[in-house]
PDB file of N, CA and C in Angstrom:
ATOM      1  N   MET A   1       0.836  -1.182   0.000  1.00  0.00           N
ATOM      2  CA  MET A   1       0.000   0.000   0.000  1.00  0.00           C
ATOM      3  C   MET A   1       0.880   1.243   0.000  1.00  0.00           C
ATOM      4  N   LYS A   2       0.532   2.194  -0.851  1.00  0.00           N
ATOM      5  CA  LYS A   2       1.299   3.434  -0.905  1.00  0.00           C
ATOM      6  C   LYS A   2       0.938   4.296   0.299  1.00  0.00           C
ATOM      7  N   TYR A   3       1.763   5.287   0.579  1.00  0.00           N
ATOM      8  CA  TYR A   3       1.556   6.072   1.790  1.00  0.00           C
ATOM      9  C   TYR A   3       1.529   7.561   1.488  1.00  0.00           C
ATOM     10  N   ASP A   4       0.987   8.298   2.426  1.00  0.00           N
ATOM     11  CA  ASP A   4       0.889   9.743   2.339  1.00  0.00           C
ATOM     12  C   ASP A   4       2.108  10.329   3.063  1.00  0.00           C
ATOM     13  N   ILE A   5       2.982  10.988   2.319  1.00  0.00           N
ATOM     14  CA  ILE A   5       4.206  11.577   2.883  1.00  0.00           C
ATOM     15  C   ILE A   5       3.891  12.422   4.117  1.00  0.00           C
ATOM     16  N   ARG A   6       2.819  13.191   4.052  1.00  0.00           N
ATOM     17  CA  ARG A   6       2.497  14.129   5.130  1.00  0.00           C
ATOM     18  C   ARG A   6       2.338  13.430   6.473  1.00  0.00           C
ATOM     19  N   LYS A   7       1.765  12.231   6.488  1.00  0.00           N
ATOM     20  CA  LYS A   7       1.549  11.499   7.738  1.00  0.00           C
ATOM     21  C   LYS A   7       2.875  11.062   8.366  1.00  0.00           C
ATOM     22  N   HIS A   8       3.857  10.735   7.549  1.00  0.00           N
ATOM     23  CA  HIS A   8       5.135  10.263   8.067  1.00  0.00           C
ATOM     24  C   HIS A   8       6.044  11.416   8.477  1.00  0.00           C
ATOM     25  N   ILE A   9       5.846  12.573   7.912  1.00  0.00           N
ATOM     26  CA  ILE A   9       6.730  13.709   8.177  1.00  0.00           C
ATOM     27  C   ILE A   9       6.293  14.521   9.392  1.00  0.00           C
ATOM     28  N   GLU A  10       5.011  14.532   9.679  1.00  0.00           N
ATOM     29  CA  GLU A  10       4.455  15.365  10.751  1.00  0.00           C
ATOM     30  C   GLU A  10       5.299  15.382  12.023  1.00  0.00           C
ATOM     31  N   ARG A  11       5.660  14.194  12.512  1.00  0.00           N
ATOM     32  CA  ARG A  11       6.422  14.104  13.766  1.00  0.00           C
ATOM     33  C   ARG A  11       7.886  14.447  13.604  1.00  0.00           C
ATOM     34  N   HIS A  12       8.347  14.595  12.366  1.00  0.00           N
ATOM     35  CA  HIS A  12       9.777  14.771  12.099  1.00  0.00           C
ATOM     36  C   HIS A  12      10.118  16.127  11.476  1.00  0.00           C
ATOM     37  N   ILE A  13       9.178  17.054  11.490  1.00  0.00           N
ATOM     38  CA  ILE A  13       9.394  18.357  10.848  1.00  0.00           C
ATOM     39  C   ILE A  13      10.643  19.053  11.375  1.00  0.00           C
ATOM     40  N   GLY A  14      10.838  19.057  12.679  1.00  0.00           N
ATOM     41  CA  GLY A  14      12.009  19.715  13.261  1.00  0.00           C
ATOM     42  C   GLY A  14      13.309  19.129  12.753  1.00  0.00           C
ATOM     43  N   ARG A  15      13.389  17.815  12.698  1.00  0.00           N
ATOM     44  CA  ARG A  15      14.587  17.134  12.208  1.00  0.00           C
ATOM     45  C   ARG A  15      14.802  17.414  10.717  1.00  0.00           C
ATOM     46  N   LEU A  16      13.715  17.455   9.960  1.00  0.00           N
ATOM     47  CA  LEU A  16      13.790  17.765   8.530  1.00  0.00           C
ATOM     48  C   LEU A  16      14.305  19.186   8.312  1.00  0.00           C
ATOM     49  N   GLU A  17      13.682  20.144   8.978  1.00  0.00           N
ATOM     50  CA  GLU A  17      14.057  21.557   8.794  1.00  0.00           C
ATOM     51  C   GLU A  17      15.474  21.855   9.266  1.00  0.00           C
ATOM     52  N   ALA A  18      15.972  21.096  10.243  1.00  0.00           N
ATOM     53  CA  ALA A  18      17.336  21.306  10.736  1.00  0.00           C
ATOM     54  C   ALA A  18      18.379  20.997   9.667  1.00  0.00           C
ATOM     55  N   GLN A  19      18.009  20.229   8.672  1.00  0.00           N
ATOM     56  CA  GLN A  19      18.943  19.841   7.615  1.00  0.00           C
ATOM     57  C   GLN A  19      18.879  20.754   6.389  1.00  0.00           C
ATOM     58  N   ILE A  20      18.037  21.795   6.452  1.00  0.00           N
ATOM     59  CA  ILE A  20      17.884  22.709   5.316  1.00  0.00           C
ATOM     60  C   ILE A  20      18.564  24.035   5.638  1.00  0.00           C
ATOM     61  N   ASN A  21      19.432  24.482   4.749  1.00  0.00           N
ATOM     62  CA  ASN A  21      20.132  25.753   4.929  1.00  0.00           C
ATOM     63  C   ASN A  21      19.313  26.869   4.277  1.00  0.00           C
ATOM     64  N   LYS A  22      18.582  27.611   5.114  1.00  0.00           N
ATOM     65  CA  LYS A  22      17.755  28.721   4.619  1.00  0.00           C
ATOM     66  C   LYS A  22      18.426  30.068   4.874  1.00  0.00           C
ATOM     67  N   SER A  23      19.731  30.076   5.026  1.00  0.00           N
ATOM     68  CA  SER A  23      20.459  31.283   5.408  1.00  0.00           C
ATOM     69  C   SER A  23      20.426  32.385   4.359  1.00  0.00           C
ATOM     70  N   GLY A  24      20.103  32.025   3.125  1.00  0.00           N
ATOM     71  CA  GLY A  24      20.094  33.022   2.052  1.00  0.00           C
ATOM     72  C   GLY A  24      21.465  33.253   1.454  1.00  0.00           C
ATOM     73  N   SER A  25      22.433  32.430   1.806  1.00  0.00           N
ATOM     74  CA  SER A  25      23.794  32.621   1.303  1.00  0.00           C
ATOM     75  C   SER A  25      23.972  32.119  -0.129  1.00  0.00           C
ATOM     76  N   HIS A  26      23.046  31.305  -0.619  1.00  0.00           N
ATOM     77  CA  HIS A  26      23.160  30.789  -1.988  1.00  0.00           C
ATOM     78  C   HIS A  26      22.739  31.878  -2.964  1.00  0.00           C
ATOM     79  N   PRO A  27      23.537  32.149  -4.007  1.00  0.00           N
ATOM     80  CA  PRO A  27      23.255  33.257  -4.918  1.00  0.00           C
ATOM     81  C   PRO A  27      21.931  33.123  -5.684  1.00  0.00           C
ATOM     82  N   GLU A  28      21.457  31.910  -5.897  1.00  0.00           N
ATOM     83  CA  GLU A  28      20.206  31.708  -6.642  1.00  0.00           C
ATOM     84  C   GLU A  28      18.989  31.633  -5.724  1.00  0.00           C
ATOM     85  N   GLY A  29      19.203  31.781  -4.415  1.00  0.00           N
ATOM     86  CA  GLY A  29      18.098  31.674  -3.470  1.00  0.00           C
ATOM     87  C   GLY A  29      17.740  30.242  -3.123  1.00  0.00           C
ATOM     88  N   CYS A  30      18.623  29.306  -3.453  1.00  0.00           N
ATOM     89  CA  CYS A  30      18.386  27.895  -3.139  1.00  0.00           C
ATOM     90  C   CYS A  30      18.505  27.660  -1.634  1.00  0.00           C
ATOM     91  N   TRP A  31      17.837  26.647  -1.160  1.00  0.00           N
ATOM     92  CA  TRP A  31      17.949  26.179   0.217  1.00  0.00           C
ATOM     93  C   TRP A  31      18.610  24.804   0.162  1.00  0.00           C
ATOM     94  N   PRO A  32      19.930  24.738   0.237  1.00  0.00           N
ATOM     95  CA  PRO A  32      20.630  23.447   0.101  1.00  0.00           C
ATOM     96  C   PRO A  32      20.316  22.471   1.247  1.00  0.00           C
ATOM     97  N   TRP A  33      20.156  21.219   0.884  1.00  0.00           N
ATOM     98  CA  TRP A  33      19.962  20.134   1.840  1.00  0.00           C
ATOM     99  C   TRP A  33      21.322  19.738   2.393  1.00  0.00           C
ATOM    100  N   ARG A  34      21.417  19.615   3.729  1.00  0.00           N
ATOM    101  CA  ARG A  34      22.676  19.271   4.380  1.00  0.00           C
ATOM    102  C   ARG A  34      22.706  17.832   4.876  1.00  0.00           C
ATOM    103  N   GLY A  35      21.620  17.110   4.703  1.00  0.00           N
ATOM    104  CA  GLY A  35      21.529  15.734   5.191  1.00  0.00           C
ATOM    105  C   GLY A  35      22.058  14.730   4.181  1.00  0.00           C
ATOM    106  N   THR A  36      21.601  13.503   4.316  1.00  0.00           N
ATOM    107  CA  THR A  36      22.071  12.433   3.437  1.00  0.00           C
ATOM    108  C   THR A  36      21.552  12.623   2.015  1.00  0.00           C
ATOM    109  N   LYS A  37      22.286  12.017   1.082  1.00  0.00           N
ATOM    110  CA  LYS A  37      21.953  12.127  -0.338  1.00  0.00           C
ATOM    111  C   LYS A  37      21.779  10.743  -0.939  1.00  0.00           C
ATOM    112  N   THR A  38      21.057  10.704  -2.049  1.00  0.00           N
ATOM    113  CA  THR A  38      20.940   9.464  -2.811  1.00  0.00           C
ATOM    114  C   THR A  38      22.180   9.319  -3.685  1.00  0.00           C
ATOM    115  N   HIS A  39      22.322   8.179  -4.342  1.00  0.00           N
ATOM    116  CA  HIS A  39      23.467   7.986  -5.241  1.00  0.00           C
ATOM    117  C   HIS A  39      23.403   8.941  -6.430  1.00  0.00           C
ATOM    118  N   ASN A  40      22.222   9.500  -6.717  1.00  0.00           N
ATOM    119  CA  ASN A  40      22.064  10.460  -7.815  1.00  0.00           C
ATOM    120  C   ASN A  40      22.282  11.907  -7.379  1.00  0.00           C
ATOM    121  N   GLY A  41      22.520  12.124  -6.091  1.00  0.00           N
ATOM    122  CA  GLY A  41      22.795  13.463  -5.607  1.00  0.00           C
ATOM    123  C   GLY A  41      21.590  14.245  -5.125  1.00  0.00           C
ATOM    124  N   TYR A  42      20.452  13.594  -4.950  1.00  0.00           N
ATOM    125  CA  TYR A  42      19.264  14.256  -4.414  1.00  0.00           C
ATOM    126  C   TYR A  42      19.229  14.101  -2.907  1.00  0.00           C
ATOM    127  N   GLY A  43      18.623  15.070  -2.227  1.00  0.00           N
ATOM    128  CA  GLY A  43      18.469  14.982  -0.787  1.00  0.00           C
ATOM    129  C   GLY A  43      17.539  13.844  -0.416  1.00  0.00           C
ATOM    130  N   GLN A  44      17.870  13.156   0.666  1.00  0.00           N
ATOM    131  CA  GLN A  44      17.070  12.014   1.112  1.00  0.00           C
ATOM    132  C   GLN A  44      16.790  12.143   2.598  1.00  0.00           C
ATOM    133  N   PHE A  45      15.572  11.801   3.004  1.00  0.00           N
ATOM    134  CA  PHE A  45      15.167  11.880   4.400  1.00  0.00           C
ATOM    135  C   PHE A  45      14.469  10.591   4.768  1.00  0.00           C
ATOM    136  N   CYS A  46      14.747  10.093   5.957  1.00  0.00           N
ATOM    137  CA  CYS A  46      14.137   8.855   6.415  1.00  0.00           C
ATOM    138  C   CYS A  46      13.236   9.158   7.610  1.00  0.00           C
ATOM    139  N   ALA A  47      11.978   8.713   7.523  1.00  0.00           N
ATOM    140  CA  ALA A  47      11.030   8.886   8.616  1.00  0.00           C
ATOM    141  C   ALA A  47      10.167   7.644   8.705  1.00  0.00           C
ATOM    142  N   ASP A  48      10.040   7.092   9.891  1.00  0.00           N
ATOM    143  CA  ASP A  48       9.219   5.902  10.130  1.00  0.00           C
ATOM    144  C   ASP A  48       9.596   4.757   9.186  1.00  0.00           C
ATOM    145  N   GLY A  49      10.889   4.619   8.891  1.00  0.00           N
ATOM    146  CA  GLY A  49      11.353   3.541   8.050  1.00  0.00           C
ATOM    147  C   GLY A  49      11.169   3.761   6.554  1.00  0.00           C
ATOM    148  N   HIS A  50      10.692   4.931   6.160  1.00  0.00           N
ATOM    149  CA  HIS A  50      10.499   5.255   4.744  1.00  0.00           C
ATOM    150  C   HIS A  50      11.557   6.252   4.298  1.00  0.00           C
ATOM    151  N   ARG A  51      12.267   5.937   3.222  1.00  0.00           N
ATOM    152  CA  ARG A  51      13.214   6.886   2.623  1.00  0.00           C
ATOM    153  C   ARG A  51      12.453   7.684   1.583  1.00  0.00           C
ATOM    154  N   MET A  52      12.617   9.011   1.643  1.00  0.00           N
ATOM    155  CA  MET A  52      11.879   9.884   0.739  1.00  0.00           C
ATOM    156  C   MET A  52      12.788  10.954   0.171  1.00  0.00           C
ATOM    157  N   ALA A  53      12.508  11.350  -1.063  1.00  0.00           N
ATOM    158  CA  ALA A  53      13.245  12.441  -1.694  1.00  0.00           C
ATOM    159  C   ALA A  53      12.806  13.753  -1.062  1.00  0.00           C
ATOM    160  N   VAL A  54      13.752  14.534  -0.598  1.00  0.00           N
ATOM    161  CA  VAL A  54      13.454  15.765   0.126  1.00  0.00           C
ATOM    162  C   VAL A  54      12.666  16.759  -0.727  1.00  0.00           C
ATOM    163  N   HIS A  55      13.013  16.896  -2.005  1.00  0.00           N
ATOM    164  CA  HIS A  55      12.299  17.875  -2.828  1.00  0.00           C
ATOM    165  C   HIS A  55      10.836  17.481  -3.005  1.00  0.00           C
ATOM    166  N   ARG A  56      10.530  16.185  -3.012  1.00  0.00           N
ATOM    167  CA  ARG A  56       9.137  15.732  -3.098  1.00  0.00           C
ATOM    168  C   ARG A  56       8.395  16.033  -1.795  1.00  0.00           C
ATOM    169  N   ILE A  57       9.087  15.852  -0.671  1.00  0.00           N
ATOM    170  CA  ILE A  57       8.484  16.163   0.631  1.00  0.00           C
ATOM    171  C   ILE A  57       8.135  17.646   0.696  1.00  0.00           C
ATOM    172  N   LEU A  58       9.109  18.505   0.347  1.00  0.00           N
ATOM    173  CA  LEU A  58       8.898  19.955   0.458  1.00  0.00           C
ATOM    174  C   LEU A  58       7.800  20.445  -0.474  1.00  0.00           C
ATOM    175  N   TRP A  59       7.732  19.907  -1.689  1.00  0.00           N
ATOM    176  CA  TRP A  59       6.659  20.300  -2.618  1.00  0.00           C
ATOM    177  C   TRP A  59       5.302  19.917  -2.027  1.00  0.00           C
ATOM    178  N   THR A  60       5.209  18.690  -1.500  1.00  0.00           N
ATOM    179  CA  THR A  60       3.962  18.191  -0.920  1.00  0.00           C
ATOM    180  C   THR A  60       3.535  19.021   0.290  1.00  0.00           C
ATOM    181  N   LEU A  61       4.459  19.312   1.182  1.00  0.00           N
ATOM    182  CA  LEU A  61       4.130  20.097   2.373  1.00  0.00           C
ATOM    183  C   LEU A  61       3.750  21.533   2.019  1.00  0.00           C
ATOM    184  N   ASP A  62       4.477  22.122   1.091  1.00  0.00           N
ATOM    185  CA  ASP A  62       4.219  23.515   0.714  1.00  0.00           C
ATOM    186  C   ASP A  62       2.843  23.678   0.074  1.00  0.00           C
ATOM    187  N   ARG A  63       2.453  22.726  -0.756  1.00  0.00           N
ATOM    188  CA  ARG A  63       1.178  22.836  -1.484  1.00  0.00           C
ATOM    189  C   ARG A  63       0.048  22.069  -0.821  1.00  0.00           C
ATOM    190  N   ASP A  64       0.366  21.309   0.231  1.00  0.00           N
ATOM    191  CA  ASP A  64      -0.601  20.496   0.963  1.00  0.00           C
ATOM    192  C   ASP A  64      -1.425  19.626   0.021  1.00  0.00           C
ATOM    193  N   ARG A  65      -0.739  18.972  -0.895  1.00  0.00           N
ATOM    194  CA  ARG A  65      -1.399  18.040  -1.808  1.00  0.00           C
ATOM    195  C   ARG A  65      -0.425  16.938  -2.185  1.00  0.00           C
ATOM    196  N   LEU A  66      -0.974  15.792  -2.526  1.00  0.00           N
ATOM    197  CA  LEU A  66      -0.148  14.659  -2.940  1.00  0.00           C
ATOM    198  C   LEU A  66       0.273  14.819  -4.394  1.00  0.00           C
ATOM    199  N   ILE A  67       1.355  14.168  -4.753  1.00  0.00           N
ATOM    200  CA  ILE A  67       1.863  14.211  -6.125  1.00  0.00           C
ATOM    201  C   ILE A  67       1.113  13.153  -6.935  1.00  0.00           C
ATOM    202  N   PRO A  68       0.437  13.556  -8.000  1.00  0.00           N
ATOM    203  CA  PRO A  68      -0.282  12.566  -8.810  1.00  0.00           C
ATOM    204  C   PRO A  68       0.662  11.541  -9.428  1.00  0.00           C
ATOM    205  N   GLU A  69       0.161  10.331  -9.599  1.00  0.00           N
ATOM    206  CA  GLU A  69       0.952   9.252 -10.189  1.00  0.00           C
ATOM    207  C   GLU A  69       1.439   9.645 -11.570  1.00  0.00           C
ATOM    208  N   GLY A  70       2.677   9.273 -11.873  1.00  0.00           N
ATOM    209  CA  GLY A  70       3.243   9.521 -13.188  1.00  0.00           C
ATOM    210  C   GLY A  70       3.823  10.912 -13.378  1.00  0.00           C
ATOM    211  N   LEU A  71       3.724  11.762 -12.356  1.00  0.00           N
ATOM    212  CA  LEU A  71       4.284  13.115 -12.454  1.00  0.00           C
ATOM    213  C   LEU A  71       5.540  13.209 -11.603  1.00  0.00           C
ATOM    214  N   TYR A  72       6.359  14.185 -11.912  1.00  0.00           N
ATOM    215  CA  TYR A  72       7.662  14.367 -11.275  1.00  0.00           C
ATOM    216  C   TYR A  72       7.761  15.756 -10.667  1.00  0.00           C
ATOM    217  N   ILE A  73       8.579  15.870  -9.637  1.00  0.00           N
ATOM    218  CA  ILE A  73       8.881  17.171  -9.054  1.00  0.00           C
ATOM    219  C   ILE A  73      10.295  17.521  -9.512  1.00  0.00           C
ATOM    220  N   LEU A  74      10.414  18.641 -10.200  1.00  0.00           N
ATOM    221  CA  LEU A  74      11.699  19.061 -10.756  1.00  0.00           C
ATOM    222  C   LEU A  74      12.131  20.396 -10.169  1.00  0.00           C
ATOM    223  N   HIS A  75      13.412  20.709 -10.353  1.00  0.00           N
ATOM    224  CA  HIS A  75      14.010  21.943  -9.836  1.00  0.00           C
ATOM    225  C   HIS A  75      14.183  22.954 -10.969  1.00  0.00           C
ATOM    226  N   ARG A  76      13.601  24.139 -10.845  1.00  0.00           N
ATOM    227  CA  ARG A  76      13.828  25.199 -11.838  1.00  0.00           C
ATOM    228  C   ARG A  76      15.299  25.617 -11.829  1.00  0.00           C
ATOM    229  N   CYS A  77      15.905  25.578 -10.654  1.00  0.00           N
ATOM    230  CA  CYS A  77      17.294  26.005 -10.483  1.00  0.00           C
ATOM    231  C   CYS A  77      18.288  24.915 -10.919  1.00  0.00           C
ATOM    232  N   GLU A  78      17.806  23.710 -11.148  1.00  0.00           N
ATOM    233  CA  GLU A  78      18.631  22.562 -11.531  1.00  0.00           C
ATOM    234  C   GLU A  78      19.649  22.149 -10.468  1.00  0.00           C
ATOM    235  N   GLU A  79      19.405  22.562  -9.227  1.00  0.00           N
ATOM    236  CA  GLU A  79      20.244  22.164  -8.092  1.00  0.00           C
ATOM    237  C   GLU A  79      19.546  21.007  -7.384  1.00  0.00           C
ATOM    238  N   ARG A  80      20.079  19.812  -7.480  1.00  0.00           N
ATOM    239  CA  ARG A  80      19.424  18.629  -6.930  1.00  0.00           C
ATOM    240  C   ARG A  80      19.231  18.679  -5.422  1.00  0.00           C
ATOM    241  N   LEU A  81      20.065  19.417  -4.720  1.00  0.00           N
ATOM    242  CA  LEU A  81      19.947  19.497  -3.264  1.00  0.00           C
ATOM    243  C   LEU A  81      19.081  20.663  -2.798  1.00  0.00           C
ATOM    244  N   CYS A  82      18.523  21.422  -3.725  1.00  0.00           N
ATOM    245  CA  CYS A  82      17.701  22.573  -3.359  1.00  0.00           C
ATOM    246  C   CYS A  82      16.360  22.121  -2.776  1.00  0.00           C
ATOM    247  N   CYS A  83      15.973  22.752  -1.669  1.00  0.00           N
ATOM    248  CA  CYS A  83      14.719  22.438  -0.983  1.00  0.00           C
ATOM    249  C   CYS A  83      13.734  23.603  -1.026  1.00  0.00           C
ATOM    250  N   ASN A  84      14.075  24.684  -1.696  1.00  0.00           N
ATOM    251  CA  ASN A  84      13.202  25.849  -1.736  1.00  0.00           C
ATOM    252  C   ASN A  84      11.959  25.512  -2.559  1.00  0.00           C
ATOM    253  N   PRO A  85      10.771  25.496  -1.941  1.00  0.00           N
ATOM    254  CA  PRO A  85       9.551  25.138  -2.667  1.00  0.00           C
ATOM    255  C   PRO A  85       9.271  26.052  -3.866  1.00  0.00           C
ATOM    256  N   ASP A  86       9.763  27.280  -3.818  1.00  0.00           N
ATOM    257  CA  ASP A  86       9.567  28.204  -4.945  1.00  0.00           C
ATOM    258  C   ASP A  86      10.364  27.768  -6.180  1.00  0.00           C
ATOM    259  N   HIS A  87      11.348  26.914  -5.991  1.00  0.00           N
ATOM    260  CA  HIS A  87      12.179  26.434  -7.095  1.00  0.00           C
ATOM    261  C   HIS A  87      11.671  25.113  -7.666  1.00  0.00           C
ATOM    262  N   LEU A  88      10.628  24.553  -7.066  1.00  0.00           N
ATOM    263  CA  LEU A  88      10.126  23.244  -7.464  1.00  0.00           C
ATOM    264  C   LEU A  88       8.867  23.368  -8.301  1.00  0.00           C
ATOM    265  N   TYR A  89       8.753  22.486  -9.287  1.00  0.00           N
ATOM    266  CA  TYR A  89       7.535  22.457 -10.095  1.00  0.00           C
ATOM    267  C   TYR A  89       7.207  21.018 -10.470  1.00  0.00           C
ATOM    268  N   ILE A  90       5.975  20.811 -10.855  1.00  0.00           N
ATOM    269  CA  ILE A  90       5.512  19.471 -11.194  1.00  0.00           C
ATOM    270  C   ILE A  90       5.468  19.332 -12.711  1.00  0.00           C
ATOM    271  N   ALA A  91       5.861  18.156 -13.191  1.00  0.00           N
ATOM    272  CA  ALA A  91       5.961  17.967 -14.637  1.00  0.00           C
ATOM    273  C   ALA A  91       5.609  16.539 -15.037  1.00  0.00           C
ATOM    274  N   ALA A  92       5.204  16.412 -16.295  1.00  0.00           N
ATOM    275  CA  ALA A  92       4.949  15.106 -16.906  1.00  0.00           C
ATOM    276  C   ALA A  92       6.146  14.764 -17.779  1.00  0.00           C
ATOM    277  N   ARG A  93       6.399  13.478 -17.961  1.00  0.00           N
ATOM    278  CA  ARG A  93       7.560  13.023 -18.722  1.00  0.00           C
ATOM    279  C   ARG A  93       7.268  12.995 -20.220  1.00  0.00           C
ATOM    280  N   GLY A  94       8.281  13.353 -20.996  1.00  0.00           N
ATOM    281  CA  GLY A  94       8.193  13.325 -22.447  1.00  0.00           C
ATOM    282  C   GLY A  94       9.599  13.118 -23.006  1.00  0.00           C
ATOM    283  N   TYR A  95       9.995  13.869 -24.031  1.00  0.00           N
ATOM    284  CA  TYR A  95      11.303  13.716 -24.655  1.00  0.00           C
ATOM    285  C   TYR A  95      12.176  14.948 -24.432  1.00  0.00           C
ATOM    286  N   HIS A  96      13.460  14.744 -24.151  1.00  0.00           N
ATOM    287  CA  HIS A  96      14.434  15.823 -23.978  1.00  0.00           C
ATOM    288  C   HIS A  96      15.641  15.512 -24.857  1.00  0.00           C
ATOM    289  N   HIS A  97      16.101  16.476 -25.640  1.00  0.00           N
ATOM    290  CA  HIS A  97      17.177  16.240 -26.602  1.00  0.00           C
ATOM    291  C   HIS A  97      18.493  15.794 -25.971  1.00  0.00           C
ATOM    292  N   ARG A  98      18.832  16.310 -24.804  1.00  0.00           N
ATOM    293  CA  ARG A  98      20.113  15.993 -24.184  1.00  0.00           C
ATOM    294  C   ARG A  98      20.073  14.666 -23.425  1.00  0.00           C
ATOM    295  N   THR A  99      19.015  14.454 -22.680  1.00  0.00           N
ATOM    296  CA  THR A  99      18.945  13.256 -21.846  1.00  0.00           C
ATOM    297  C   THR A  99      18.082  12.158 -22.452  1.00  0.00           C
ATOM    298  N   GLY A 100      17.392  12.486 -23.539  1.00  0.00           N
ATOM    299  CA  GLY A 100      16.475  11.516 -24.119  1.00  0.00           C
ATOM    300  C   GLY A 100      15.124  11.541 -23.438  1.00  0.00           C
ATOM    301  N   THR A 101      14.990  12.407 -22.436  1.00  0.00           N
ATOM    302  CA  THR A 101      13.736  12.555 -21.705  1.00  0.00           C
ATOM    303  C   THR A 101      13.355  14.025 -21.695  1.00  0.00           C
ATOM    304  N   TYR A 102      12.089  14.285 -21.776  1.00  0.00           N
ATOM    305  CA  TYR A 102      11.585  15.650 -21.767  1.00  0.00           C
ATOM    306  C   TYR A 102      10.532  15.762 -20.675  1.00  0.00           C
ATOM    307  N   PHE A 103      10.526  16.859 -19.968  1.00  0.00           N
ATOM    308  CA  PHE A 103       9.525  17.082 -18.936  1.00  0.00           C
ATOM    309  C   PHE A 103       8.732  18.328 -19.270  1.00  0.00           C
ATOM    310  N   GLN A 104       7.431  18.179 -19.306  1.00  0.00           N
ATOM    311  CA  GLN A 104       6.520  19.282 -19.589  1.00  0.00           C
ATOM    312  C   GLN A 104       5.882  19.719 -18.280  1.00  0.00           C
ATOM    313  N   GLU A 105       6.029  20.999 -17.937  1.00  0.00           N
ATOM    314  CA  GLU A 105       5.421  21.485 -16.703  1.00  0.00           C
ATOM    315  C   GLU A 105       3.906  21.339 -16.766  1.00  0.00           C
ATOM    316  N   VAL A 106       3.333  20.892 -15.670  1.00  0.00           N
ATOM    317  CA  VAL A 106       1.883  20.745 -15.552  1.00  0.00           C
ATOM    318  C   VAL A 106       1.389  21.860 -14.635  1.00  0.00           C
ATOM    319  N   PRO A 107       0.499  22.716 -15.130  1.00  0.00           N
ATOM    320  CA  PRO A 107      -0.027  23.782 -14.266  1.00  0.00           C
ATOM    321  C   PRO A 107      -0.763  23.161 -13.072  1.00  0.00           C
ATOM    322  N   GLU A 108      -0.578  23.731 -11.894  1.00  0.00           N
ATOM    323  CA  GLU A 108      -1.197  23.150 -10.703  1.00  0.00           C
ATOM    324  C   GLU A 108      -2.720  23.143 -10.787  1.00  0.00           C
ATOM    325  N   TRP A 109      -3.304  24.071 -11.527  1.00  0.00           N
ATOM    326  CA  TRP A 109      -4.761  24.085 -11.667  1.00  0.00           C
ATOM    327  C   TRP A 109      -5.248  22.901 -12.502  1.00  0.00           C
ATOM    328  N   ASP A 110      -4.345  22.226 -13.226  1.00  0.00           N
ATOM    329  CA  ASP A 110      -4.711  21.113 -14.096  1.00  0.00           C
ATOM    330  C   ASP A 110      -4.421  19.747 -13.467  1.00  0.00           C
ATOM    331  N   LEU A 111      -3.995  19.715 -12.215  1.00  0.00           N
ATOM    332  CA  LEU A 111      -3.615  18.454 -11.580  1.00  0.00           C
ATOM    333  C   LEU A 111      -4.807  17.532 -11.327  1.00  0.00           C
ATOM    334  N   ALA A 112      -5.989  18.067 -11.288  1.00  0.00           N
ATOM    335  CA  ALA A 112      -7.177  17.252 -10.993  1.00  0.00           C
ATOM    336  C   ALA A 112      -7.381  16.127 -11.998  1.00  0.00           C
ATOM    337  N   ARG A 113      -6.878  16.300 -13.210  1.00  0.00           N
ATOM    338  CA  ARG A 113      -7.087  15.249 -14.217  1.00  0.00           C
ATOM    339  C   ARG A 113      -6.123  14.079 -14.048  1.00  0.00           C
ATOM    340  N   TYR A 114      -5.154  14.199 -13.158  1.00  0.00           N
ATOM    341  CA  TYR A 114      -4.211  13.115 -12.887  1.00  0.00           C
ATOM    342  C   TYR A 114      -4.648  12.369 -11.631  1.00  0.00           C
ATOM    343  N   ARG A 115      -4.449  11.067 -11.644  1.00  0.00           N
ATOM    344  CA  ARG A 115      -4.797  10.251 -10.477  1.00  0.00           C
ATOM    345  C   ARG A 115      -3.777  10.482  -9.369  1.00  0.00           C
ATOM    346  N   THR A 116      -4.239  10.739  -8.179  1.00  0.00           N
ATOM    347  CA  THR A 116      -3.354  11.009  -7.047  1.00  0.00           C
ATOM    348  C   THR A 116      -2.900   9.706  -6.420  1.00  0.00           C
ATOM    349  N   SER A 117      -1.589   9.614  -6.236  1.00  0.00           N
ATOM    350  CA  SER A 117      -1.038   8.463  -5.526  1.00  0.00           C
ATOM    351  C   SER A 117      -1.033   8.786  -4.041  1.00  0.00           C
ATOM    352  N   ARG A 118      -0.698   7.826  -3.229  1.00  0.00           N
ATOM    353  CA  ARG A 118      -0.629   8.072  -1.790  1.00  0.00           C
ATOM    354  C   ARG A 118       0.818   8.223  -1.355  1.00  0.00           C
ATOM    355  N   ARG A 119       1.773   8.386  -2.310  1.00  0.00           N
ATOM    356  CA  ARG A 119       3.187   8.527  -1.976  1.00  0.00           C
ATOM    357  C   ARG A 119       3.468   9.874  -1.419  1.00  0.00           C
TER     358      ARG A 119
END
């Protein structure tokens, strides 16, 4: 059964926020993650035995909504460790010339047509 990130994070907000550098020292306004990282260089947080991508957690908490199945949370700043919700957007997968994958931004007002997962 899939789970709702918000339920697992509630008790761990203090520990999560302690790992985010919101000092404003980053020139692009990024909030770098100081905790553990995945092998791909994304921030990772563990709560109640679940490992979660930090940027997905922050997007979910900031917008108080679940990420629909098949959609991705991407960084406008292209900094994988950035946790600033203003730098995050939701996108659908398509084709990209450099990576072979393309992501099309999905307007938040249009998310209702996507099935919501419990992740």
